[in-house]
Amino acid sequence: MRLVALPSASASKAGAGPTDAALVPAARAGELWASEALFRRHARMAIGLAFRLLPRDIDADDVVQDSFVFALQRLSSLQNPQAFAAWLGSIVVRTVGKRLRRRRLLTRLGMRSAEPIDLSSVIAPSAPAEVAVQLRRVYALVETLPAEERIALVLRRVEGLELPEIAAHMGVSLSTVKRRLRAAEVQLERARER
């Protein structure tokens, strides 16, 4: 079952300037216009992904900024310049994971209070009622999951990604994704039974 959340933007529009394959080498060469073009082209996708994984406006903005800085500093490691969007998505996912683990640790140490997710900002007003109810349940559960399980579940249930795509974004094996999803699904099923 796939749930509907806020729509994600298309990474780039056909005919909207140079391709990523042209922009990445220019950005590697230090051309600021190319770095800015990559940001403008992919920022909406990155903020949408970050917001669905970490639904707090300020955190999502920080994640996107940190992810772009990381990506632009390491452009030389990107082997296929046309794959910039997927590579950036992986960086966003990993940055969210780090932030979630740090937040959980700070909460356990009493250095941060737990903040509930504002579900009205995550669920599109046009979402069908039954989808909105399911999303509320999923996000209530998501708050209790370890970062890795949380990310795998949101990528599968909200983003609608296939297992190999989730593995690539998370930088783990397919079997690890399956284990994480299964653990999250067990928790979801327990929550449904309650």
N, C-alpha and C. Protein backbone atom coordinates (compact mmCIF):
# COMPACT_ATOMS: atom_id res chain seq x y z
N MET A 1 0.84 -1.16 0.00
CA MET A 1 0.00 0.00 0.00
C MET A 1 0.90 1.24 0.00
N ARG A 2 0.58 2.19 -0.88
CA ARG A 2 1.32 3.44 -0.93
C ARG A 2 0.43 4.55 -0.43
N LEU A 3 0.97 5.42 0.39
CA LEU A 3 0.21 6.54 0.91
C LEU A 3 0.60 7.79 0.17
N VAL A 4 -0.27 8.78 0.17
CA VAL A 4 -0.02 10.03 -0.53
C VAL A 4 0.31 11.10 0.48
N ALA A 5 1.40 11.81 0.24
CA ALA A 5 1.76 12.94 1.10
C ALA A 5 1.86 14.16 0.21
N LEU A 6 2.55 15.17 0.68
CA LEU A 6 2.74 16.35 -0.15
C LEU A 6 3.45 15.96 -1.43
N PRO A 7 3.05 16.53 -2.55
CA PRO A 7 3.68 16.14 -3.81
C PRO A 7 5.13 16.56 -3.86
N SER A 8 5.94 15.71 -4.48
CA SER A 8 7.34 16.08 -4.68
C SER A 8 7.47 16.64 -6.08
N ALA A 9 8.40 17.56 -6.24
CA ALA A 9 8.57 18.21 -7.53
C ALA A 9 9.43 17.37 -8.44
N SER A 10 9.24 17.55 -9.71
CA SER A 10 10.11 16.92 -10.70
C SER A 10 11.48 17.57 -10.57
N ALA A 11 12.52 16.75 -10.66
CA ALA A 11 13.87 17.27 -10.45
C ALA A 11 14.24 18.33 -11.47
N SER A 12 13.88 18.16 -12.69
CA SER A 12 14.18 19.16 -13.69
C SER A 12 13.15 19.10 -14.79
N LYS A 13 12.97 20.21 -15.47
CA LYS A 13 12.00 20.27 -16.55
C LYS A 13 12.75 20.13 -17.87
N ALA A 14 12.12 19.43 -18.79
CA ALA A 14 12.74 19.24 -20.09
C ALA A 14 12.97 20.60 -20.75
N GLY A 15 14.15 20.77 -21.30
CA GLY A 15 14.47 22.00 -22.02
C GLY A 15 14.75 23.18 -21.12
N ALA A 16 14.95 22.99 -19.85
CA ALA A 16 15.16 24.10 -18.91
C ALA A 16 16.64 24.33 -18.69
N GLY A 17 17.38 24.61 -19.72
CA GLY A 17 18.80 24.90 -19.58
C GLY A 17 19.65 23.66 -19.73
N PRO A 18 20.92 23.80 -19.37
CA PRO A 18 21.86 22.68 -19.51
C PRO A 18 21.44 21.50 -18.64
N THR A 19 21.79 20.31 -19.08
CA THR A 19 21.50 19.10 -18.31
C THR A 19 22.43 19.02 -17.11
N ASP A 20 22.10 18.12 -16.20
CA ASP A 20 22.98 17.88 -15.06
C ASP A 20 24.35 17.40 -15.53
N ALA A 21 24.34 16.62 -16.63
CA ALA A 21 25.61 16.11 -17.18
C ALA A 21 26.52 17.26 -17.61
N ALA A 22 25.96 18.41 -17.97
CA ALA A 22 26.75 19.58 -18.33
C ALA A 22 27.04 20.46 -17.12
N LEU A 23 26.08 20.54 -16.19
CA LEU A 23 26.25 21.41 -15.02
C LEU A 23 27.28 20.87 -14.03
N VAL A 24 27.28 19.57 -13.82
CA VAL A 24 28.20 18.99 -12.82
C VAL A 24 29.66 19.27 -13.17
N PRO A 25 30.12 19.01 -14.40
CA PRO A 25 31.53 19.33 -14.72
C PRO A 25 31.84 20.83 -14.57
N ALA A 26 30.88 21.68 -14.94
CA ALA A 26 31.09 23.12 -14.78
C ALA A 26 31.20 23.49 -13.31
N ALA A 27 30.36 22.90 -12.47
CA ALA A 27 30.42 23.16 -11.02
C ALA A 27 31.73 22.62 -10.45
N ARG A 28 32.18 21.47 -10.93
CA ARG A 28 33.47 20.93 -10.49
C ARG A 28 34.61 21.89 -10.83
N ALA A 29 34.47 22.58 -11.95
CA ALA A 29 35.50 23.53 -12.40
C ALA A 29 35.42 24.86 -11.65
N GLY A 30 34.50 24.96 -10.71
CA GLY A 30 34.40 26.17 -9.90
C GLY A 30 33.46 27.22 -10.45
N GLU A 31 32.67 26.88 -11.44
CA GLU A 31 31.70 27.84 -12.02
C GLU A 31 30.52 27.98 -11.06
N LEU A 32 30.40 29.13 -10.43
CA LEU A 32 29.34 29.36 -9.44
C LEU A 32 27.95 29.29 -10.07
N TRP A 33 27.81 29.75 -11.32
CA TRP A 33 26.52 29.71 -11.98
C TRP A 33 26.01 28.27 -12.10
N ALA A 34 26.93 27.32 -12.31
CA ALA A 34 26.54 25.92 -12.45
C ALA A 34 26.09 25.34 -11.10
N SER A 35 26.79 25.70 -10.04
CA SER A 35 26.38 25.26 -8.70
C SER A 35 25.01 25.82 -8.36
N GLU A 36 24.80 27.08 -8.68
CA GLU A 36 23.50 27.71 -8.42
C GLU A 36 22.40 27.05 -9.26
N ALA A 37 22.71 26.72 -10.50
CA ALA A 37 21.72 26.06 -11.37
C ALA A 37 21.36 24.68 -10.82
N LEU A 38 22.34 23.94 -10.32
CA LEU A 38 22.05 22.64 -9.71
C LEU A 38 21.16 22.81 -8.48
N PHE A 39 21.47 23.83 -7.68
CA PHE A 39 20.65 24.09 -6.50
C PHE A 39 19.22 24.44 -6.89
N ARG A 40 19.07 25.37 -7.81
CA ARG A 40 17.73 25.79 -8.23
C ARG A 40 16.93 24.63 -8.83
N ARG A 41 17.59 23.80 -9.57
CA ARG A 41 16.92 22.67 -10.23
C ARG A 41 16.48 21.62 -9.23
N HIS A 42 17.28 21.35 -8.20
CA HIS A 42 17.02 20.21 -7.32
C HIS A 42 16.59 20.57 -5.90
N ALA A 43 16.53 21.84 -5.57
CA ALA A 43 16.19 22.24 -4.20
C ALA A 43 14.78 21.80 -3.82
N ARG A 44 13.85 21.94 -4.72
CA ARG A 44 12.47 21.58 -4.39
C ARG A 44 12.34 20.08 -4.10
N MET A 45 12.99 19.27 -4.91
CA MET A 45 12.98 17.83 -4.67
C MET A 45 13.62 17.50 -3.32
N ALA A 46 14.74 18.14 -3.04
CA ALA A 46 15.47 17.86 -1.80
C ALA A 46 14.67 18.31 -0.58
N ILE A 47 14.05 19.48 -0.65
CA ILE A 47 13.27 19.96 0.51
C ILE A 47 12.04 19.09 0.71
N GLY A 48 11.42 18.64 -0.38
CA GLY A 48 10.27 17.75 -0.24
C GLY A 48 10.64 16.44 0.42
N LEU A 49 11.74 15.85 -0.02
CA LEU A 49 12.21 14.60 0.56
C LEU A 49 12.57 14.79 2.03
N ALA A 50 13.33 15.83 2.32
CA ALA A 50 13.73 16.09 3.72
C ALA A 50 12.51 16.34 4.59
N PHE A 51 11.55 17.08 4.08
CA PHE A 51 10.37 17.40 4.88
C PHE A 51 9.52 16.18 5.16
N ARG A 52 9.43 15.27 4.20
CA ARG A 52 8.64 14.06 4.46
C ARG A 52 9.35 13.11 5.41
N LEU A 53 10.68 13.13 5.41
CA LEU A 53 11.44 12.29 6.34
C LEU A 53 11.55 12.93 7.72
N LEU A 54 11.57 14.24 7.75
CA LEU A 54 11.82 15.00 8.98
C LEU A 54 10.89 16.20 8.99
N PRO A 55 9.60 16.01 9.25
CA PRO A 55 8.63 17.07 9.04
C PRO A 55 8.66 18.21 10.06
N ARG A 56 9.69 18.97 10.03
CA ARG A 56 9.80 20.21 10.79
C ARG A 56 10.49 21.20 9.88
N ASP A 57 9.82 22.30 9.60
CA ASP A 57 10.31 23.25 8.60
C ASP A 57 11.79 23.58 8.77
N ILE A 58 12.19 24.00 9.95
CA ILE A 58 13.57 24.47 10.14
C ILE A 58 14.57 23.32 9.97
N ASP A 59 14.22 22.14 10.48
CA ASP A 59 15.12 21.00 10.32
C ASP A 59 15.27 20.61 8.86
N ALA A 60 14.17 20.60 8.13
CA ALA A 60 14.23 20.23 6.71
C ALA A 60 15.09 21.22 5.93
N ASP A 61 14.93 22.51 6.20
CA ASP A 61 15.75 23.52 5.53
C ASP A 61 17.23 23.32 5.84
N ASP A 62 17.54 23.06 7.10
CA ASP A 62 18.93 22.83 7.49
C ASP A 62 19.50 21.58 6.82
N VAL A 63 18.70 20.53 6.74
CA VAL A 63 19.14 19.29 6.10
C VAL A 63 19.47 19.54 4.64
N VAL A 64 18.60 20.27 3.95
CA VAL A 64 18.84 20.55 2.53
C VAL A 64 20.09 21.39 2.35
N GLN A 65 20.26 22.40 3.17
CA GLN A 65 21.45 23.23 3.07
C GLN A 65 22.71 22.39 3.32
N ASP A 66 22.71 21.61 4.38
CA ASP A 66 23.86 20.76 4.69
C ASP A 66 24.12 19.76 3.56
N SER A 67 23.04 19.21 2.99
CA SER A 67 23.19 18.23 1.92
C SER A 67 23.79 18.85 0.66
N PHE A 68 23.34 20.04 0.31
CA PHE A 68 23.90 20.70 -0.87
C PHE A 68 25.36 21.07 -0.66
N VAL A 69 25.69 21.56 0.52
CA VAL A 69 27.09 21.89 0.81
C VAL A 69 27.95 20.65 0.67
N PHE A 70 27.51 19.55 1.26
CA PHE A 70 28.24 18.28 1.17
C PHE A 70 28.38 17.84 -0.28
N ALA A 71 27.26 17.89 -1.03
CA ALA A 71 27.28 17.44 -2.43
C ALA A 71 28.22 18.29 -3.27
N LEU A 72 28.15 19.59 -3.12
CA LEU A 72 28.98 20.47 -3.95
C LEU A 72 30.46 20.34 -3.60
N GLN A 73 30.75 20.06 -2.33
CA GLN A 73 32.15 19.87 -1.94
C GLN A 73 32.70 18.55 -2.47
N ARG A 74 31.84 17.61 -2.72
CA ARG A 74 32.28 16.27 -3.14
C ARG A 74 31.83 15.89 -4.54
N LEU A 75 31.61 16.86 -5.37
CA LEU A 75 31.20 16.60 -6.76
C LEU A 75 32.19 15.70 -7.49
N SER A 76 33.45 15.78 -7.12
CA SER A 76 34.45 14.96 -7.81
C SER A 76 34.21 13.47 -7.60
N SER A 77 33.49 13.10 -6.55
CA SER A 77 33.23 11.69 -6.30
C SER A 77 32.02 11.15 -7.06
N LEU A 78 31.25 12.03 -7.69
CA LEU A 78 30.09 11.61 -8.46
C LEU A 78 30.56 11.09 -9.82
N GLN A 79 30.38 9.81 -10.04
CA GLN A 79 30.88 9.18 -11.26
C GLN A 79 30.00 9.47 -12.47
N ASN A 80 28.70 9.53 -12.30
CA ASN A 80 27.78 9.79 -13.41
C ASN A 80 27.10 11.14 -13.17
N PRO A 81 27.57 12.20 -13.81
CA PRO A 81 26.99 13.53 -13.59
C PRO A 81 25.49 13.60 -13.84
N GLN A 82 24.96 12.77 -14.72
CA GLN A 82 23.52 12.80 -15.00
C GLN A 82 22.73 12.25 -13.81
N ALA A 83 23.38 11.55 -12.89
CA ALA A 83 22.72 10.96 -11.73
C ALA A 83 22.75 11.89 -10.52
N PHE A 84 22.97 13.18 -10.73
CA PHE A 84 23.08 14.12 -9.62
C PHE A 84 21.86 14.08 -8.71
N ALA A 85 20.66 14.05 -9.27
CA ALA A 85 19.43 14.08 -8.46
C ALA A 85 19.36 12.88 -7.52
N ALA A 86 19.62 11.70 -8.03
CA ALA A 86 19.57 10.49 -7.20
C ALA A 86 20.66 10.54 -6.13
N TRP A 87 21.83 11.01 -6.51
CA TRP A 87 22.95 11.12 -5.57
C TRP A 87 22.62 12.11 -4.47
N LEU A 88 22.05 13.25 -4.85
CA LEU A 88 21.64 14.25 -3.85
C LEU A 88 20.57 13.67 -2.93
N GLY A 89 19.62 12.92 -3.49
CA GLY A 89 18.60 12.28 -2.67
C GLY A 89 19.20 11.36 -1.63
N SER A 90 20.23 10.63 -2.01
CA SER A 90 20.92 9.75 -1.06
C SER A 90 21.60 10.56 0.04
N ILE A 91 22.17 11.67 -0.33
CA ILE A 91 22.83 12.53 0.66
C ILE A 91 21.79 13.09 1.63
N VAL A 92 20.64 13.51 1.12
CA VAL A 92 19.57 14.02 1.99
C VAL A 92 19.13 12.93 2.97
N VAL A 93 18.93 11.72 2.47
CA VAL A 93 18.49 10.61 3.32
C VAL A 93 19.51 10.35 4.43
N ARG A 94 20.77 10.31 4.09
CA ARG A 94 21.80 10.05 5.10
C ARG A 94 21.94 11.20 6.09
N THR A 95 21.78 12.42 5.61
CA THR A 95 21.84 13.58 6.50
C THR A 95 20.68 13.56 7.49
N VAL A 96 19.50 13.20 7.01
CA VAL A 96 18.34 13.06 7.90
C VAL A 96 18.62 11.98 8.94
N GLY A 97 19.19 10.86 8.53
CA GLY A 97 19.50 9.78 9.47
C GLY A 97 20.41 10.25 10.59
N LYS A 98 21.45 11.00 10.23
CA LYS A 98 22.36 11.53 11.25
C LYS A 98 21.63 12.47 12.20
N ARG A 99 20.79 13.32 11.64
CA ARG A 99 20.06 14.28 12.46
C ARG A 99 19.09 13.56 13.40
N LEU A 100 18.41 12.53 12.92
CA LEU A 100 17.48 11.78 13.77
C LEU A 100 18.21 11.07 14.91
N ARG A 101 19.35 10.46 14.59
CA ARG A 101 20.11 9.78 15.65
C ARG A 101 20.61 10.78 16.70
N ARG A 102 21.08 11.92 16.25
CA ARG A 102 21.55 12.95 17.19
C ARG A 102 20.40 13.47 18.05
N ARG A 103 19.24 13.70 17.43
CA ARG A 103 18.07 14.19 18.17
C ARG A 103 17.64 13.19 19.23
N ARG A 104 17.61 11.91 18.84
CA ARG A 104 17.20 10.87 19.79
C ARG A 104 18.17 10.80 20.97
N LEU A 105 19.47 10.90 20.70
CA LEU A 105 20.46 10.87 21.77
C LEU A 105 20.29 12.07 22.70
N LEU A 106 20.12 13.25 22.14
CA LEU A 106 19.94 14.45 22.97
C LEU A 106 18.67 14.36 23.80
N THR A 107 17.61 13.77 23.25
CA THR A 107 16.37 13.60 24.00
C THR A 107 16.58 12.63 25.16
N ARG A 108 17.29 11.54 24.89
CA ARG A 108 17.57 10.56 25.96
C ARG A 108 18.42 11.14 27.07
N LEU A 109 19.33 12.03 26.70
CA LEU A 109 20.20 12.65 27.70
C LEU A 109 19.53 13.82 28.41
N GLY A 110 18.30 14.13 28.01
CA GLY A 110 17.57 15.23 28.64
C GLY A 110 18.02 16.60 28.17
N MET A 111 18.73 16.66 27.07
CA MET A 111 19.23 17.93 26.56
C MET A 111 18.31 18.51 25.49
N ARG A 112 17.24 17.80 25.19
CA ARG A 112 16.28 18.24 24.17
C ARG A 112 14.95 17.60 24.50
N SER A 113 13.88 18.36 24.33
CA SER A 113 12.56 17.79 24.55
C SER A 113 12.02 17.28 23.22
N ALA A 114 11.22 16.25 23.30
CA ALA A 114 10.62 15.67 22.09
C ALA A 114 9.58 16.64 21.54
N GLU A 115 9.63 16.89 20.23
CA GLU A 115 8.67 17.78 19.58
C GLU A 115 7.78 16.96 18.67
N PRO A 116 6.46 17.05 18.86
CA PRO A 116 5.58 16.27 17.98
C PRO A 116 5.58 16.85 16.57
N ILE A 117 5.28 15.98 15.61
CA ILE A 117 5.18 16.40 14.22
C ILE A 117 3.87 17.14 14.02
N ASP A 118 3.91 18.26 13.29
CA ASP A 118 2.70 18.98 12.91
C ASP A 118 2.13 18.27 11.69
N LEU A 119 1.21 17.36 11.92
CA LEU A 119 0.69 16.51 10.85
C LEU A 119 -0.07 17.30 9.79
N SER A 120 -0.66 18.41 10.16
CA SER A 120 -1.39 19.19 9.16
C SER A 120 -0.45 19.75 8.10
N SER A 121 0.83 19.89 8.44
CA SER A 121 1.78 20.40 7.45
C SER A 121 2.36 19.29 6.58
N VAL A 122 2.16 18.04 6.96
CA VAL A 122 2.68 16.90 6.21
C VAL A 122 1.65 16.35 5.23
N ILE A 123 0.39 16.38 5.62
CA ILE A 123 -0.66 15.77 4.83
C ILE A 123 -1.29 16.83 3.93
N ALA A 124 -1.32 16.54 2.65
CA ALA A 124 -1.91 17.47 1.68
C ALA A 124 -3.40 17.63 1.97
N PRO A 125 -3.90 18.85 1.89
CA PRO A 125 -5.33 19.06 2.13
C PRO A 125 -6.21 18.27 1.16
N SER A 126 -5.70 17.96 -0.01
CA SER A 126 -6.47 17.23 -1.01
C SER A 126 -6.41 15.71 -0.80
N ALA A 127 -5.65 15.24 0.18
CA ALA A 127 -5.54 13.80 0.42
C ALA A 127 -6.89 13.25 0.86
N PRO A 128 -7.28 12.09 0.34
CA PRO A 128 -8.53 11.47 0.77
C PRO A 128 -8.50 11.22 2.28
N ALA A 129 -9.69 11.23 2.89
CA ALA A 129 -9.80 11.10 4.35
C ALA A 129 -9.13 9.85 4.88
N GLU A 130 -9.33 8.70 4.19
CA GLU A 130 -8.74 7.45 4.69
C GLU A 130 -7.22 7.48 4.59
N VAL A 131 -6.68 8.17 3.58
CA VAL A 131 -5.23 8.31 3.45
C VAL A 131 -4.71 9.22 4.57
N ALA A 132 -5.42 10.31 4.85
CA ALA A 132 -5.01 11.22 5.93
C ALA A 132 -4.98 10.49 7.27
N VAL A 133 -5.97 9.65 7.52
CA VAL A 133 -6.01 8.88 8.77
C VAL A 133 -4.81 7.94 8.84
N GLN A 134 -4.52 7.25 7.73
CA GLN A 134 -3.39 6.33 7.72
C GLN A 134 -2.07 7.08 7.90
N LEU A 135 -1.95 8.23 7.26
CA LEU A 135 -0.71 9.02 7.43
C LEU A 135 -0.54 9.48 8.87
N ARG A 136 -1.62 9.89 9.52
CA ARG A 136 -1.53 10.29 10.93
C ARG A 136 -1.01 9.12 11.78
N ARG A 137 -1.54 7.94 11.53
CA ARG A 137 -1.10 6.75 12.27
C ARG A 137 0.36 6.43 11.98
N VAL A 138 0.72 6.48 10.70
CA VAL A 138 2.10 6.16 10.33
C VAL A 138 3.07 7.15 10.97
N TYR A 139 2.77 8.45 10.89
CA TYR A 139 3.70 9.42 11.46
C TYR A 139 3.74 9.37 12.99
N ALA A 140 2.63 9.01 13.64
CA ALA A 140 2.66 8.82 15.09
C ALA A 140 3.61 7.68 15.45
N LEU A 141 3.54 6.61 14.68
CA LEU A 141 4.44 5.47 14.90
C LEU A 141 5.87 5.83 14.53
N VAL A 142 6.01 6.54 13.43
CA VAL A 142 7.33 6.89 12.90
C VAL A 142 8.16 7.61 13.96
N GLU A 143 7.53 8.44 14.75
CA GLU A 143 8.25 9.18 15.80
C GLU A 143 8.91 8.25 16.81
N THR A 144 8.39 7.04 16.96
CA THR A 144 8.92 6.12 17.97
C THR A 144 9.98 5.18 17.42
N LEU A 145 10.14 5.13 16.10
CA LEU A 145 11.05 4.17 15.49
C LEU A 145 12.50 4.66 15.51
N PRO A 146 13.45 3.72 15.52
CA PRO A 146 14.86 4.10 15.31
C PRO A 146 15.01 4.75 13.94
N ALA A 147 16.00 5.61 13.78
CA ALA A 147 16.19 6.40 12.56
C ALA A 147 16.19 5.54 11.30
N GLU A 148 16.90 4.42 11.32
CA GLU A 148 17.03 3.60 10.11
C GLU A 148 15.71 3.00 9.70
N GLU A 149 14.93 2.53 10.67
CA GLU A 149 13.62 1.95 10.37
C GLU A 149 12.67 3.04 9.91
N ARG A 150 12.74 4.18 10.55
CA ARG A 150 11.89 5.31 10.20
C ARG A 150 12.12 5.73 8.75
N ILE A 151 13.36 5.89 8.38
CA ILE A 151 13.68 6.33 7.03
C ILE A 151 13.23 5.29 6.00
N ALA A 152 13.50 4.02 6.26
CA ALA A 152 13.10 2.97 5.32
C ALA A 152 11.58 2.95 5.16
N LEU A 153 10.85 3.09 6.24
CA LEU A 153 9.39 3.07 6.18
C LEU A 153 8.84 4.26 5.41
N VAL A 154 9.35 5.45 5.66
CA VAL A 154 8.86 6.63 4.95
C VAL A 154 9.22 6.56 3.47
N LEU A 155 10.42 6.10 3.16
CA LEU A 155 10.80 5.99 1.75
C LEU A 155 9.90 4.99 1.02
N ARG A 156 9.49 3.94 1.71
CA ARG A 156 8.63 2.93 1.09
C ARG A 156 7.17 3.37 1.05
N ARG A 157 6.64 3.78 2.20
CA ARG A 157 5.21 4.05 2.31
C ARG A 157 4.81 5.43 1.81
N VAL A 158 5.64 6.42 2.02
CA VAL A 158 5.27 7.78 1.64
C VAL A 158 5.85 8.15 0.28
N GLU A 159 7.15 7.89 0.10
CA GLU A 159 7.79 8.21 -1.17
C GLU A 159 7.45 7.20 -2.26
N GLY A 160 7.07 5.97 -1.86
CA GLY A 160 6.71 4.95 -2.83
C GLY A 160 7.89 4.34 -3.56
N LEU A 161 9.07 4.40 -2.96
CA LEU A 161 10.27 3.86 -3.61
C LEU A 161 10.28 2.33 -3.54
N GLU A 162 10.90 1.74 -4.53
CA GLU A 162 11.09 0.29 -4.55
C GLU A 162 12.28 -0.06 -3.64
N LEU A 163 12.36 -1.30 -3.23
CA LEU A 163 13.41 -1.73 -2.29
C LEU A 163 14.83 -1.42 -2.79
N PRO A 164 15.18 -1.70 -4.05
CA PRO A 164 16.54 -1.37 -4.51
C PRO A 164 16.83 0.13 -4.44
N GLU A 165 15.81 0.96 -4.70
CA GLU A 165 16.00 2.41 -4.61
C GLU A 165 16.25 2.83 -3.16
N ILE A 166 15.53 2.23 -2.24
CA ILE A 166 15.71 2.53 -0.82
C ILE A 166 17.12 2.13 -0.39
N ALA A 167 17.55 0.96 -0.81
CA ALA A 167 18.90 0.49 -0.47
C ALA A 167 19.95 1.47 -0.99
N ALA A 168 19.77 1.94 -2.22
CA ALA A 168 20.73 2.88 -2.80
C ALA A 168 20.72 4.20 -2.04
N HIS A 169 19.54 4.72 -1.71
CA HIS A 169 19.46 5.98 -0.97
C HIS A 169 20.07 5.87 0.43
N MET A 170 19.86 4.73 1.06
CA MET A 170 20.35 4.56 2.43
C MET A 170 21.79 4.07 2.48
N GLY A 171 22.31 3.60 1.34
CA GLY A 171 23.68 3.11 1.31
C GLY A 171 23.86 1.79 2.05
N VAL A 172 22.83 0.94 1.98
CA VAL A 172 22.87 -0.36 2.65
C VAL A 172 22.44 -1.43 1.67
N SER A 173 22.58 -2.69 2.08
CA SER A 173 22.20 -3.80 1.21
C SER A 173 20.68 -3.95 1.16
N LEU A 174 20.23 -4.67 0.17
CA LEU A 174 18.81 -4.94 0.00
C LEU A 174 18.26 -5.72 1.20
N SER A 175 19.05 -6.67 1.69
CA SER A 175 18.59 -7.46 2.85
C SER A 175 18.47 -6.60 4.10
N THR A 176 19.35 -5.61 4.25
CA THR A 176 19.26 -4.71 5.39
C THR A 176 17.99 -3.87 5.31
N VAL A 177 17.67 -3.40 4.11
CA VAL A 177 16.44 -2.64 3.92
C VAL A 177 15.24 -3.51 4.27
N LYS A 178 15.25 -4.75 3.82
CA LYS A 178 14.13 -5.66 4.11
C LYS A 178 13.98 -5.86 5.62
N ARG A 179 15.10 -6.04 6.32
CA ARG A 179 15.04 -6.21 7.78
C ARG A 179 14.47 -4.96 8.46
N ARG A 180 14.94 -3.80 8.03
CA ARG A 180 14.47 -2.55 8.64
C ARG A 180 12.99 -2.32 8.35
N LEU A 181 12.58 -2.59 7.14
CA LEU A 181 11.17 -2.44 6.80
C LEU A 181 10.31 -3.43 7.58
N ARG A 182 10.79 -4.65 7.69
CA ARG A 182 10.02 -5.67 8.42
C ARG A 182 9.86 -5.25 9.89
N ALA A 183 10.92 -4.77 10.50
CA ALA A 183 10.84 -4.32 11.89
C ALA A 183 9.85 -3.16 12.03
N ALA A 184 9.88 -2.22 11.10
CA ALA A 184 8.95 -1.10 11.13
C ALA A 184 7.52 -1.57 10.89
N GLU A 185 7.35 -2.50 9.96
CA GLU A 185 6.02 -3.03 9.66
C GLU A 185 5.44 -3.78 10.85
N VAL A 186 6.29 -4.51 11.58
CA VAL A 186 5.82 -5.21 12.78
C VAL A 186 5.30 -4.19 13.79
N GLN A 187 6.03 -3.10 13.96
CA GLN A 187 5.57 -2.05 14.89
C GLN A 187 4.26 -1.42 14.40
N LEU A 188 4.17 -1.21 13.11
CA LEU A 188 2.94 -0.65 12.53
C LEU A 188 1.76 -1.59 12.75
N GLU A 189 1.99 -2.88 12.56
CA GLU A 189 0.93 -3.87 12.76
C GLU A 189 0.51 -3.92 14.23
N ARG A 190 1.45 -3.85 15.13
CA ARG A 190 1.13 -3.83 16.57
C ARG A 190 0.29 -2.60 16.92
N ALA A 191 0.65 -1.47 16.31
CA ALA A 191 -0.09 -0.25 16.56
C ALA A 191 -1.53 -0.37 16.03
N ARG A 192 -1.68 -1.01 14.87
CA ARG A 192 -3.02 -1.22 14.32
C ARG A 192 -3.88 -2.10 15.23
N GLU A 193 -3.24 -3.13 15.81
CA GLU A 193 -3.97 -4.06 16.69
C GLU A 193 -4.45 -3.37 17.95
N ARG A 194 -3.69 -2.37 18.40
CA ARG A 194 -4.10 -1.62 19.59
C ARG A 194 -5.27 -0.73 19.24
